[in-house]
Amino acid sequence: MGKEPIYKVSFFNQGKVYEIYARHVFQSDLWGFLEVEEFVFGEKSQMIVDPSEEKLKNEFTGVKRSFIPVQSIVRIDEVEKEGACKITEASGGNVSSFPFHTMAGAKPGKE
């Protein structure tokens, strides 16, 4: 039996691009969401500590499953092994959020 795959998932969250690694990524039963399970972080024996990876570890501590809106996903890659998870500023270059319509302030029955 082969080794279980690892996925690198990049997505937008509050103006930043998160890059995380997980063992399971699939379409959710919640419409418009992707489910990510079994997060994978770097080895704890490493001497150098990356602050953004530590922030992600703390943010996802105790999280069994995360639901990420599909329009926030930038890219998903199947990789040989995990790398360093990180948070970077969204540069605003050639990547932007997928536009979506909200009904905030709309009256029922009217669009």
PDB file of N, CA and C in Angstrom:
ATOM      1  N   MET A   1       0.842  -1.181   0.000  1.00  0.00           N
ATOM      2  CA  MET A   1       0.000   0.000   0.000  1.00  0.00           C
ATOM      3  C   MET A   1       0.891   1.249   0.000  1.00  0.00           C
ATOM      4  N   GLY A   2       0.540   2.220  -0.826  1.00  0.00           N
ATOM      5  CA  GLY A   2       1.343   3.427  -0.978  1.00  0.00           C
ATOM      6  C   GLY A   2       1.205   4.381   0.195  1.00  0.00           C
ATOM      7  N   LYS A   3       2.094   5.340   0.208  1.00  0.00           N
ATOM      8  CA  LYS A   3       2.096   6.375   1.232  1.00  0.00           C
ATOM      9  C   LYS A   3       0.893   7.301   1.035  1.00  0.00           C
ATOM     10  N   GLU A   4       0.311   7.740   2.139  1.00  0.00           N
ATOM     11  CA  GLU A   4      -0.842   8.639   2.068  1.00  0.00           C
ATOM     12  C   GLU A   4      -0.405   9.995   1.499  1.00  0.00           C
ATOM     13  N   PRO A   5      -1.165  10.551   0.534  1.00  0.00           N
ATOM     14  CA  PRO A   5      -0.748  11.816  -0.095  1.00  0.00           C
ATOM     15  C   PRO A   5      -0.838  13.002   0.867  1.00  0.00           C
ATOM     16  N   ILE A   6      -0.047  14.012   0.557  1.00  0.00           N
ATOM     17  CA  ILE A   6      -0.079  15.277   1.298  1.00  0.00           C
ATOM     18  C   ILE A   6      -0.430  16.363   0.296  1.00  0.00           C
ATOM     19  N   TYR A   7      -1.319  17.266   0.695  1.00  0.00           N
ATOM     20  CA  TYR A   7      -1.768  18.342  -0.177  1.00  0.00           C
ATOM     21  C   TYR A   7      -1.327  19.686   0.388  1.00  0.00           C
ATOM     22  N   LYS A   8      -0.842  20.541  -0.512  1.00  0.00           N
ATOM     23  CA  LYS A   8      -0.539  21.929  -0.152  1.00  0.00           C
ATOM     24  C   LYS A   8      -1.733  22.756  -0.612  1.00  0.00           C
ATOM     25  N   VAL A   9      -2.365  23.449   0.329  1.00  0.00           N
ATOM     26  CA  VAL A   9      -3.559  24.235   0.038  1.00  0.00           C
ATOM     27  C   VAL A   9      -3.232  25.704   0.279  1.00  0.00           C
ATOM     28  N   SER A  10      -3.430  26.531  -0.751  1.00  0.00           N
ATOM     29  CA  SER A  10      -3.242  27.976  -0.632  1.00  0.00           C
ATOM     30  C   SER A  10      -4.599  28.641  -0.746  1.00  0.00           C
ATOM     31  N   PHE A  11      -4.897  29.554   0.207  1.00  0.00           N
ATOM     32  CA  PHE A  11      -6.189  30.227   0.189  1.00  0.00           C
ATOM     33  C   PHE A  11      -6.096  31.608   0.827  1.00  0.00           C
ATOM     34  N   PHE A  12      -7.041  32.476   0.444  1.00  0.00           N
ATOM     35  CA  PHE A  12      -7.135  33.823   1.014  1.00  0.00           C
ATOM     36  C   PHE A  12      -7.876  33.768   2.338  1.00  0.00           C
ATOM     37  N   ASN A  13      -7.369  34.544   3.311  1.00  0.00           N
ATOM     38  CA  ASN A  13      -8.053  34.690   4.592  1.00  0.00           C
ATOM     39  C   ASN A  13      -7.706  36.060   5.150  1.00  0.00           C
ATOM     40  N   GLN A  14      -8.676  36.934   5.217  1.00  0.00           N
ATOM     41  CA  GLN A  14      -8.537  38.274   5.783  1.00  0.00           C
ATOM     42  C   GLN A  14      -7.353  39.051   5.190  1.00  0.00           C
ATOM     43  N   GLY A  15      -7.279  39.082   3.856  1.00  0.00           N
ATOM     44  CA  GLY A  15      -6.267  39.871   3.171  1.00  0.00           C
ATOM     45  C   GLY A  15      -4.891  39.234   3.114  1.00  0.00           C
ATOM     46  N   LYS A  16      -4.777  37.993   3.565  1.00  0.00           N
ATOM     47  CA  LYS A  16      -3.502  37.289   3.534  1.00  0.00           C
ATOM     48  C   LYS A  16      -3.680  35.961   2.801  1.00  0.00           C
ATOM     49  N   VAL A  17      -2.565  35.421   2.323  1.00  0.00           N
ATOM     50  CA  VAL A  17      -2.587  34.108   1.681  1.00  0.00           C
ATOM     51  C   VAL A  17      -2.007  33.100   2.665  1.00  0.00           C
ATOM     52  N   TYR A  18      -2.825  32.110   3.020  1.00  0.00           N
ATOM     53  CA  TYR A  18      -2.398  31.035   3.910  1.00  0.00           C
ATOM     54  C   TYR A  18      -1.944  29.870   3.043  1.00  0.00           C
ATOM     55  N   GLU A  19      -0.854  29.250   3.425  1.00  0.00           N
ATOM     56  CA  GLU A  19      -0.357  28.061   2.733  1.00  0.00           C
ATOM     57  C   GLU A  19      -0.195  26.972   3.792  1.00  0.00           C
ATOM     58  N   ILE A  20      -1.059  25.957   3.720  1.00  0.00           N
ATOM     59  CA  ILE A  20      -1.054  24.897   4.717  1.00  0.00           C
ATOM     60  C   ILE A  20      -0.910  23.540   4.037  1.00  0.00           C
ATOM     61  N   TYR A  21      -0.573  22.538   4.821  1.00  0.00           N
ATOM     62  CA  TYR A  21      -0.442  21.172   4.335  1.00  0.00           C
ATOM     63  C   TYR A  21      -1.421  20.292   5.104  1.00  0.00           C
ATOM     64  N   ALA A  22      -2.064  19.356   4.373  1.00  0.00           N
ATOM     65  CA  ALA A  22      -3.046  18.472   4.993  1.00  0.00           C
ATOM     66  C   ALA A  22      -3.060  17.128   4.282  1.00  0.00           C
ATOM     67  N   ARG A  23      -3.556  16.131   4.978  1.00  0.00           N
ATOM     68  CA  ARG A  23      -3.641  14.780   4.401  1.00  0.00           C
ATOM     69  C   ARG A  23      -4.935  14.553   3.629  1.00  0.00           C
ATOM     70  N   HIS A  24      -6.002  15.268   3.986  1.00  0.00           N
ATOM     71  CA  HIS A  24      -7.288  15.055   3.324  1.00  0.00           C
ATOM     72  C   HIS A  24      -7.894  16.384   2.900  1.00  0.00           C
ATOM     73  N   VAL A  25      -8.257  16.489   1.625  1.00  0.00           N
ATOM     74  CA  VAL A  25      -8.924  17.664   1.070  1.00  0.00           C
ATOM     75  C   VAL A  25     -10.039  17.150   0.176  1.00  0.00           C
ATOM     76  N   PHE A  26     -11.266  17.616   0.426  1.00  0.00           N
ATOM     77  CA  PHE A  26     -12.390  17.160  -0.393  1.00  0.00           C
ATOM     78  C   PHE A  26     -13.530  18.162  -0.353  1.00  0.00           C
ATOM     79  N   GLN A  27     -14.440  18.030  -1.330  1.00  0.00           N
ATOM     80  CA  GLN A  27     -15.601  18.909  -1.401  1.00  0.00           C
ATOM     81  C   GLN A  27     -16.515  18.600  -0.230  1.00  0.00           C
ATOM     82  N   SER A  28     -16.998  19.631   0.413  1.00  0.00           N
ATOM     83  CA  SER A  28     -17.839  19.478   1.596  1.00  0.00           C
ATOM     84  C   SER A  28     -19.298  19.247   1.232  1.00  0.00           C
ATOM     85  N   ASP A  29     -20.040  18.684   2.175  1.00  0.00           N
ATOM     86  CA  ASP A  29     -21.489  18.593   2.031  1.00  0.00           C
ATOM     87  C   ASP A  29     -22.123  19.977   2.212  1.00  0.00           C
ATOM     88  N   LEU A  30     -21.385  20.903   2.850  1.00  0.00           N
ATOM     89  CA  LEU A  30     -21.835  22.290   2.943  1.00  0.00           C
ATOM     90  C   LEU A  30     -21.547  22.939   1.603  1.00  0.00           C
ATOM     91  N   TRP A  31     -22.569  23.355   0.907  1.00  0.00           N
ATOM     92  CA  TRP A  31     -22.423  23.873  -0.449  1.00  0.00           C
ATOM     93  C   TRP A  31     -21.466  25.061  -0.476  1.00  0.00           C
ATOM     94  N   GLY A  32     -20.493  25.014  -1.397  1.00  0.00           N
ATOM     95  CA  GLY A  32     -19.558  26.120  -1.594  1.00  0.00           C
ATOM     96  C   GLY A  32     -18.332  26.070  -0.708  1.00  0.00           C
ATOM     97  N   PHE A  33     -18.121  24.974   0.004  1.00  0.00           N
ATOM     98  CA  PHE A  33     -16.976  24.866   0.903  1.00  0.00           C
ATOM     99  C   PHE A  33     -16.126  23.645   0.564  1.00  0.00           C
ATOM    100  N   LEU A  34     -14.849  23.745   0.903  1.00  0.00           N
ATOM    101  CA  LEU A  34     -13.910  22.655   0.767  1.00  0.00           C
ATOM    102  C   LEU A  34     -13.531  22.237   2.189  1.00  0.00           C
ATOM    103  N   GLU A  35     -13.447  20.934   2.447  1.00  0.00           N
ATOM    104  CA  GLU A  35     -13.057  20.454   3.769  1.00  0.00           C
ATOM    105  C   GLU A  35     -11.587  20.073   3.751  1.00  0.00           C
ATOM    106  N   VAL A  36     -10.891  20.477   4.791  1.00  0.00           N
ATOM    107  CA  VAL A  36      -9.478  20.159   4.939  1.00  0.00           C
ATOM    108  C   VAL A  36      -9.315  19.499   6.308  1.00  0.00           C
ATOM    109  N   GLU A  37      -8.697  18.295   6.319  1.00  0.00           N
ATOM    110  CA  GLU A  37      -8.519  17.538   7.562  1.00  0.00           C
ATOM    111  C   GLU A  37      -7.075  17.086   7.719  1.00  0.00           C
ATOM    112  N   GLU A  38      -6.714  16.795   8.947  1.00  0.00           N
ATOM    113  CA  GLU A  38      -5.392  16.283   9.313  1.00  0.00           C
ATOM    114  C   GLU A  38      -4.273  17.182   8.818  1.00  0.00           C
ATOM    115  N   PHE A  39      -4.182  18.344   9.444  1.00  0.00           N
ATOM    116  CA  PHE A  39      -3.150  19.312   9.107  1.00  0.00           C
ATOM    117  C   PHE A  39      -1.774  18.729   9.402  1.00  0.00           C
ATOM    118  N   VAL A  40      -0.792  19.080   8.561  1.00  0.00           N
ATOM    119  CA  VAL A  40       0.568  18.592   8.711  1.00  0.00           C
ATOM    120  C   VAL A  40       1.476  19.808   8.871  1.00  0.00           C
ATOM    121  N   PHE A  41       2.225  19.835   9.971  1.00  0.00           N
ATOM    122  CA  PHE A  41       3.174  20.921  10.211  1.00  0.00           C
ATOM    123  C   PHE A  41       4.578  20.352  10.239  1.00  0.00           C
ATOM    124  N   GLY A  42       5.580  21.229  10.136  1.00  0.00           N
ATOM    125  CA  GLY A  42       6.982  20.804  10.113  1.00  0.00           C
ATOM    126  C   GLY A  42       7.365  20.051  11.372  1.00  0.00           C
ATOM    127  N   GLU A  43       8.516  19.404  11.322  1.00  0.00           N
ATOM    128  CA  GLU A  43       9.003  18.627  12.447  1.00  0.00           C
ATOM    129  C   GLU A  43       9.282  19.535  13.641  1.00  0.00           C
ATOM    130  N   LYS A  44       8.956  19.040  14.826  1.00  0.00           N
ATOM    131  CA  LYS A  44       9.169  19.823  16.041  1.00  0.00           C
ATOM    132  C   LYS A  44      10.629  19.852  16.459  1.00  0.00           C
ATOM    133  N   SER A  45      11.452  18.996  15.869  1.00  0.00           N
ATOM    134  CA  SER A  45      12.863  18.939  16.243  1.00  0.00           C
ATOM    135  C   SER A  45      13.709  19.991  15.528  1.00  0.00           C
ATOM    136  N   GLN A  46      13.099  20.761  14.645  1.00  0.00           N
ATOM    137  CA  GLN A  46      13.865  21.771  13.910  1.00  0.00           C
ATOM    138  C   GLN A  46      14.374  22.855  14.866  1.00  0.00           C
ATOM    139  N   MET A  47      15.592  23.304  14.628  1.00  0.00           N
ATOM    140  CA  MET A  47      16.195  24.320  15.484  1.00  0.00           C
ATOM    141  C   MET A  47      15.662  25.718  15.160  1.00  0.00           C
ATOM    142  N   ILE A  48      15.352  25.952  13.891  1.00  0.00           N
ATOM    143  CA  ILE A  48      14.872  27.266  13.474  1.00  0.00           C
ATOM    144  C   ILE A  48      13.353  27.273  13.527  1.00  0.00           C
ATOM    145  N   VAL A  49      12.794  28.299  14.175  1.00  0.00           N
ATOM    146  CA  VAL A  49      11.350  28.413  14.299  1.00  0.00           C
ATOM    147  C   VAL A  49      10.860  29.526  13.391  1.00  0.00           C
ATOM    148  N   ASP A  50       9.927  29.203  12.514  1.00  0.00           N
ATOM    149  CA  ASP A  50       9.348  30.185  11.603  1.00  0.00           C
ATOM    150  C   ASP A  50       8.125  30.796  12.298  1.00  0.00           C
ATOM    151  N   PRO A  51       8.107  32.113  12.537  1.00  0.00           N
ATOM    152  CA  PRO A  51       6.994  32.736  13.252  1.00  0.00           C
ATOM    153  C   PRO A  51       5.639  32.539  12.573  1.00  0.00           C
ATOM    154  N   SER A  52       5.600  32.589  11.226  1.00  0.00           N
ATOM    155  CA  SER A  52       4.302  32.430  10.565  1.00  0.00           C
ATOM    156  C   SER A  52       3.805  30.993  10.686  1.00  0.00           C
ATOM    157  N   GLU A  53       4.722  30.014  10.677  1.00  0.00           N
ATOM    158  CA  GLU A  53       4.296  28.624  10.860  1.00  0.00           C
ATOM    159  C   GLU A  53       3.805  28.414  12.288  1.00  0.00           C
ATOM    160  N   GLU A  54       4.475  29.016  13.251  1.00  0.00           N
ATOM    161  CA  GLU A  54       4.032  28.914  14.644  1.00  0.00           C
ATOM    162  C   GLU A  54       2.650  29.537  14.822  1.00  0.00           C
ATOM    163  N   LYS A  55       2.414  30.654  14.146  1.00  0.00           N
ATOM    164  CA  LYS A  55       1.100  31.306  14.213  1.00  0.00           C
ATOM    165  C   LYS A  55       0.024  30.383  13.646  1.00  0.00           C
ATOM    166  N   LEU A  56       0.323  29.708  12.524  1.00  0.00           N
ATOM    167  CA  LEU A  56      -0.631  28.771  11.928  1.00  0.00           C
ATOM    168  C   LEU A  56      -0.860  27.567  12.837  1.00  0.00           C
ATOM    169  N   LYS A  57       0.202  27.043  13.441  1.00  0.00           N
ATOM    170  CA  LYS A  57       0.053  25.924  14.377  1.00  0.00           C
ATOM    171  C   LYS A  57      -0.889  26.307  15.504  1.00  0.00           C
ATOM    172  N   ASN A  58      -0.681  27.498  16.058  1.00  0.00           N
ATOM    173  CA  ASN A  58      -1.540  27.961  17.148  1.00  0.00           C
ATOM    174  C   ASN A  58      -2.975  28.170  16.690  1.00  0.00           C
ATOM    175  N   GLU A  59      -3.144  28.720  15.487  1.00  0.00           N
ATOM    176  CA  GLU A  59      -4.483  28.983  14.965  1.00  0.00           C
ATOM    177  C   GLU A  59      -5.263  27.689  14.724  1.00  0.00           C
ATOM    178  N   PHE A  60      -4.561  26.634  14.288  1.00  0.00           N
ATOM    179  CA  PHE A  60      -5.230  25.381  13.965  1.00  0.00           C
ATOM    180  C   PHE A  60      -5.097  24.317  15.057  1.00  0.00           C
ATOM    181  N   THR A  61      -4.566  24.687  16.224  1.00  0.00           N
ATOM    182  CA  THR A  61      -4.480  23.738  17.330  1.00  0.00           C
ATOM    183  C   THR A  61      -5.886  23.333  17.755  1.00  0.00           C
ATOM    184  N   GLY A  62      -6.114  22.038  17.840  1.00  0.00           N
ATOM    185  CA  GLY A  62      -7.409  21.524  18.254  1.00  0.00           C
ATOM    186  C   GLY A  62      -8.459  21.498  17.151  1.00  0.00           C
ATOM    187  N   VAL A  63      -8.110  21.941  15.944  1.00  0.00           N
ATOM    188  CA  VAL A  63      -9.060  21.943  14.830  1.00  0.00           C
ATOM    189  C   VAL A  63      -9.018  20.571  14.175  1.00  0.00           C
ATOM    190  N   LYS A  64     -10.160  19.897  14.152  1.00  0.00           N
ATOM    191  CA  LYS A  64     -10.246  18.581  13.524  1.00  0.00           C
ATOM    192  C   LYS A  64     -10.439  18.720  12.021  1.00  0.00           C
ATOM    193  N   ARG A  65     -11.260  19.681  11.626  1.00  0.00           N
ATOM    194  CA  ARG A  65     -11.617  19.873  10.213  1.00  0.00           C
ATOM    195  C   ARG A  65     -11.876  21.355  10.001  1.00  0.00           C
ATOM    196  N   SER A  66     -11.419  21.854   8.859  1.00  0.00           N
ATOM    197  CA  SER A  66     -11.648  23.257   8.528  1.00  0.00           C
ATOM    198  C   SER A  66     -12.456  23.336   7.234  1.00  0.00           C
ATOM    199  N   PHE A  67     -13.421  24.239   7.190  1.00  0.00           N
ATOM    200  CA  PHE A  67     -14.248  24.457   6.009  1.00  0.00           C
ATOM    201  C   PHE A  67     -13.810  25.773   5.384  1.00  0.00           C
ATOM    202  N   ILE A  68     -13.292  25.705   4.165  1.00  0.00           N
ATOM    203  CA  ILE A  68     -12.768  26.888   3.482  1.00  0.00           C
ATOM    204  C   ILE A  68     -13.671  27.192   2.297  1.00  0.00           C
ATOM    205  N   PRO A  69     -14.150  28.437   2.172  1.00  0.00           N
ATOM    206  CA  PRO A  69     -14.996  28.784   1.025  1.00  0.00           C
ATOM    207  C   PRO A  69     -14.244  28.541  -0.293  1.00  0.00           C
ATOM    208  N   VAL A  70     -14.920  27.944  -1.244  1.00  0.00           N
ATOM    209  CA  VAL A  70     -14.300  27.603  -2.527  1.00  0.00           C
ATOM    210  C   VAL A  70     -13.734  28.847  -3.212  1.00  0.00           C
ATOM    211  N   GLN A  71     -14.410  29.987  -3.111  1.00  0.00           N
ATOM    212  CA  GLN A  71     -13.928  31.193  -3.785  1.00  0.00           C
ATOM    213  C   GLN A  71     -12.646  31.739  -3.149  1.00  0.00           C
ATOM    214  N   SER A  72     -12.263  31.235  -1.965  1.00  0.00           N
ATOM    215  CA  SER A  72     -11.025  31.666  -1.320  1.00  0.00           C
ATOM    216  C   SER A  72      -9.818  30.849  -1.746  1.00  0.00           C
ATOM    217  N   ILE A  73     -10.055  29.698  -2.358  1.00  0.00           N
ATOM    218  CA  ILE A  73      -8.961  28.796  -2.741  1.00  0.00           C
ATOM    219  C   ILE A  73      -8.161  29.400  -3.896  1.00  0.00           C
ATOM    220  N   VAL A  74      -6.851  29.425  -3.740  1.00  0.00           N
ATOM    221  CA  VAL A  74      -5.961  29.885  -4.796  1.00  0.00           C
ATOM    222  C   VAL A  74      -5.456  28.679  -5.581  1.00  0.00           C
ATOM    223  N   ARG A  75      -5.033  27.629  -4.843  1.00  0.00           N
ATOM    224  CA  ARG A  75      -4.423  26.483  -5.504  1.00  0.00           C
ATOM    225  C   ARG A  75      -4.339  25.311  -4.538  1.00  0.00           C
ATOM    226  N   ILE A  76      -4.423  24.090  -5.081  1.00  0.00           N
ATOM    227  CA  ILE A  76      -4.225  22.865  -4.312  1.00  0.00           C
ATOM    228  C   ILE A  76      -3.259  21.988  -5.093  1.00  0.00           C
ATOM    229  N   ASP A  77      -2.179  21.567  -4.439  1.00  0.00           N
ATOM    230  CA  ASP A  77      -1.180  20.704  -5.072  1.00  0.00           C
ATOM    231  C   ASP A  77      -0.994  19.452  -4.232  1.00  0.00           C
ATOM    232  N   GLU A  78      -0.858  18.292  -4.895  1.00  0.00           N
ATOM    233  CA  GLU A  78      -0.436  17.084  -4.186  1.00  0.00           C
ATOM    234  C   GLU A  78       1.083  17.094  -4.220  1.00  0.00           C
ATOM    235  N   VAL A  79       1.714  16.971  -3.045  1.00  0.00           N
ATOM    236  CA  VAL A  79       3.168  17.086  -2.946  1.00  0.00           C
ATOM    237  C   VAL A  79       3.771  15.820  -2.350  1.00  0.00           C
ATOM    238  N   GLU A  80       5.076  15.645  -2.535  1.00  0.00           N
ATOM    239  CA  GLU A  80       5.786  14.479  -2.011  1.00  0.00           C
ATOM    240  C   GLU A  80       5.904  14.517  -0.495  1.00  0.00           C
ATOM    241  N   LYS A  81       6.210  15.712   0.047  1.00  0.00           N
ATOM    242  CA  LYS A  81       6.335  15.867   1.495  1.00  0.00           C
ATOM    243  C   LYS A  81       5.942  17.287   1.873  1.00  0.00           C
ATOM    244  N   GLU A  82       5.638  17.460   3.158  1.00  0.00           N
ATOM    245  CA  GLU A  82       5.205  18.783   3.602  1.00  0.00           C
ATOM    246  C   GLU A  82       6.375  19.753   3.626  1.00  0.00           C
ATOM    247  N   GLY A  83       6.033  21.014   3.495  1.00  0.00           N
ATOM    248  CA  GLY A  83       7.006  22.081   3.596  1.00  0.00           C
ATOM    249  C   GLY A  83       6.618  22.967   4.761  1.00  0.00           C
ATOM    250  N   ALA A  84       7.151  24.143   4.788  1.00  0.00           N
ATOM    251  CA  ALA A  84       6.829  25.084   5.858  1.00  0.00           C
ATOM    252  C   ALA A  84       5.505  25.765   5.554  1.00  0.00           C
ATOM    253  N   CYS A  85       4.599  25.706   6.500  1.00  0.00           N
ATOM    254  CA  CYS A  85       3.336  26.442   6.371  1.00  0.00           C
ATOM    255  C   CYS A  85       3.658  27.918   6.554  1.00  0.00           C
ATOM    256  N   LYS A  86       2.905  28.776   5.879  1.00  0.00           N
ATOM    257  CA  LYS A  86       3.219  30.199   6.009  1.00  0.00           C
ATOM    258  C   LYS A  86       2.009  31.071   5.710  1.00  0.00           C
ATOM    259  N   ILE A  87       2.116  32.300   6.168  1.00  0.00           N
ATOM    260  CA  ILE A  87       1.124  33.334   5.895  1.00  0.00           C
ATOM    261  C   ILE A  87       1.871  34.470   5.228  1.00  0.00           C
ATOM    262  N   THR A  88       1.375  34.909   4.069  1.00  0.00           N
ATOM    263  CA  THR A  88       1.998  36.036   3.378  1.00  0.00           C
ATOM    264  C   THR A  88       0.928  37.076   3.049  1.00  0.00           C
ATOM    265  N   GLU A  89       1.355  38.291   2.892  1.00  0.00           N
ATOM    266  CA  GLU A  89       0.440  39.358   2.495  1.00  0.00           C
ATOM    267  C   GLU A  89       0.009  39.128   1.053  1.00  0.00           C
ATOM    268  N   ALA A  90      -1.266  39.313   0.774  1.00  0.00           N
ATOM    269  CA  ALA A  90      -1.750  39.237  -0.607  1.00  0.00           C
ATOM    270  C   ALA A  90      -1.256  40.495  -1.306  1.00  0.00           C
ATOM    271  N   SER A  91      -0.453  40.316  -2.338  1.00  0.00           N
ATOM    272  CA  SER A  91       0.206  41.453  -2.987  1.00  0.00           C
ATOM    273  C   SER A  91      -0.732  42.292  -3.832  1.00  0.00           C
ATOM    274  N   GLY A  92      -1.851  41.703  -4.244  1.00  0.00           N
ATOM    275  CA  GLY A  92      -2.778  42.447  -5.086  1.00  0.00           C
ATOM    276  C   GLY A  92      -2.331  42.504  -6.529  1.00  0.00           C
ATOM    277  N   GLY A  93      -1.307  41.734  -6.895  1.00  0.00           N
ATOM    278  CA  GLY A  93      -0.811  41.702  -8.264  1.00  0.00           C
ATOM    279  C   GLY A  93      -1.846  41.124  -9.214  1.00  0.00           C
ATOM    280  N   ASN A  94      -1.602  39.937  -9.708  1.00  0.00           N
ATOM    281  CA  ASN A  94      -2.533  39.340 -10.662  1.00  0.00           C
ATOM    282  C   ASN A  94      -3.483  38.338 -10.005  1.00  0.00           C
ATOM    283  N   VAL A  95      -3.556  38.320  -8.669  1.00  0.00           N
ATOM    284  CA  VAL A  95      -4.454  37.418  -7.957  1.00  0.00           C
ATOM    285  C   VAL A  95      -5.477  38.251  -7.206  1.00  0.00           C
ATOM    286  N   SER A  96      -6.745  37.917  -7.395  1.00  0.00           N
ATOM    287  CA  SER A  96      -7.783  38.630  -6.657  1.00  0.00           C
ATOM    288  C   SER A  96      -8.890  37.666  -6.278  1.00  0.00           C
ATOM    289  N   SER A  97      -9.721  38.066  -5.323  1.00  0.00           N
ATOM    290  CA  SER A  97     -10.817  37.231  -4.863  1.00  0.00           C
ATOM    291  C   SER A  97     -11.872  37.105  -5.942  1.00  0.00           C
ATOM    292  N   PHE A  98     -12.534  35.964  -5.957  1.00  0.00           N
ATOM    293  CA  PHE A  98     -13.645  35.759  -6.868  1.00  0.00           C
ATOM    294  C   PHE A  98     -14.820  36.605  -6.380  1.00  0.00           C
ATOM    295  N   PRO A  99     -15.417  37.443  -7.240  1.00  0.00           N
ATOM    296  CA  PRO A  99     -16.513  38.300  -6.788  1.00  0.00           C
ATOM    297  C   PRO A  99     -17.761  37.472  -6.483  1.00  0.00           C
ATOM    298  N   PHE A 100     -18.464  37.878  -5.457  1.00  0.00           N
ATOM    299  CA  PHE A 100     -19.719  37.214  -5.162  1.00  0.00           C
ATOM    300  C   PHE A 100     -20.724  38.239  -4.677  1.00  0.00           C
ATOM    301  N   HIS A 101     -21.999  37.932  -4.875  1.00  0.00           N
ATOM    302  CA  HIS A 101     -23.087  38.845  -4.560  1.00  0.00           C
ATOM    303  C   HIS A 101     -23.586  38.586  -3.149  1.00  0.00           C
ATOM    304  N   THR A 102     -23.701  39.619  -2.341  1.00  0.00           N
ATOM    305  CA  THR A 102     -24.265  39.455  -1.007  1.00  0.00           C
ATOM    306  C   THR A 102     -25.629  40.110  -0.967  1.00  0.00           C
ATOM    307  N   MET A 103     -26.440  39.634  -0.092  1.00  0.00           N
ATOM    308  CA  MET A 103     -27.796  40.157   0.047  1.00  0.00           C
ATOM    309  C   MET A 103     -27.918  41.047   1.281  1.00  0.00           C
ATOM    310  N   ALA A 104     -26.826  41.569   1.781  1.00  0.00           N
ATOM    311  CA  ALA A 104     -26.838  42.432   2.962  1.00  0.00           C
ATOM    312  C   ALA A 104     -27.727  43.637   2.720  1.00  0.00           C
ATOM    313  N   GLY A 105     -28.656  43.838   3.590  1.00  0.00           N
ATOM    314  CA  GLY A 105     -29.535  44.980   3.492  1.00  0.00           C
ATOM    315  C   GLY A 105     -30.695  44.805   2.537  1.00  0.00           C
ATOM    316  N   ALA A 106     -30.760  43.691   1.839  1.00  0.00           N
ATOM    317  CA  ALA A 106     -31.866  43.459   0.894  1.00  0.00           C
ATOM    318  C   ALA A 106     -33.127  43.058   1.640  1.00  0.00           C
ATOM    319  N   LYS A 107     -34.262  43.460   1.137  1.00  0.00           N
ATOM    320  CA  LYS A 107     -35.528  43.079   1.738  1.00  0.00           C
ATOM    321  C   LYS A 107     -35.975  41.735   1.153  1.00  0.00           C
ATOM    322  N   PRO A 108     -36.645  40.908   1.951  1.00  0.00           N
ATOM    323  CA  PRO A 108     -37.080  39.601   1.434  1.00  0.00           C
ATOM    324  C   PRO A 108     -37.911  39.745   0.163  1.00  0.00           C
ATOM    325  N   GLY A 109     -37.597  38.912  -0.825  1.00  0.00           N
ATOM    326  CA  GLY A 109     -38.334  38.911  -2.082  1.00  0.00           C
ATOM    327  C   GLY A 109     -37.855  39.927  -3.092  1.00  0.00           C
ATOM    328  N   LYS A 110     -36.883  40.755  -2.715  1.00  0.00           N
ATOM    329  CA  LYS A 110     -36.359  41.774  -3.640  1.00  0.00           C
ATOM    330  C   LYS A 110     -34.868  41.603  -3.764  1.00  0.00           C
ATOM    331  N   GLU A 111     -34.353  41.742  -4.961  1.00  0.00           N
ATOM    332  CA  GLU A 111     -32.907  41.653  -5.183  1.00  0.00           C
ATOM    333  C   GLU A 111     -32.399  42.923  -5.793  1.00  0.00           C
TER     334      GLU A 111
END
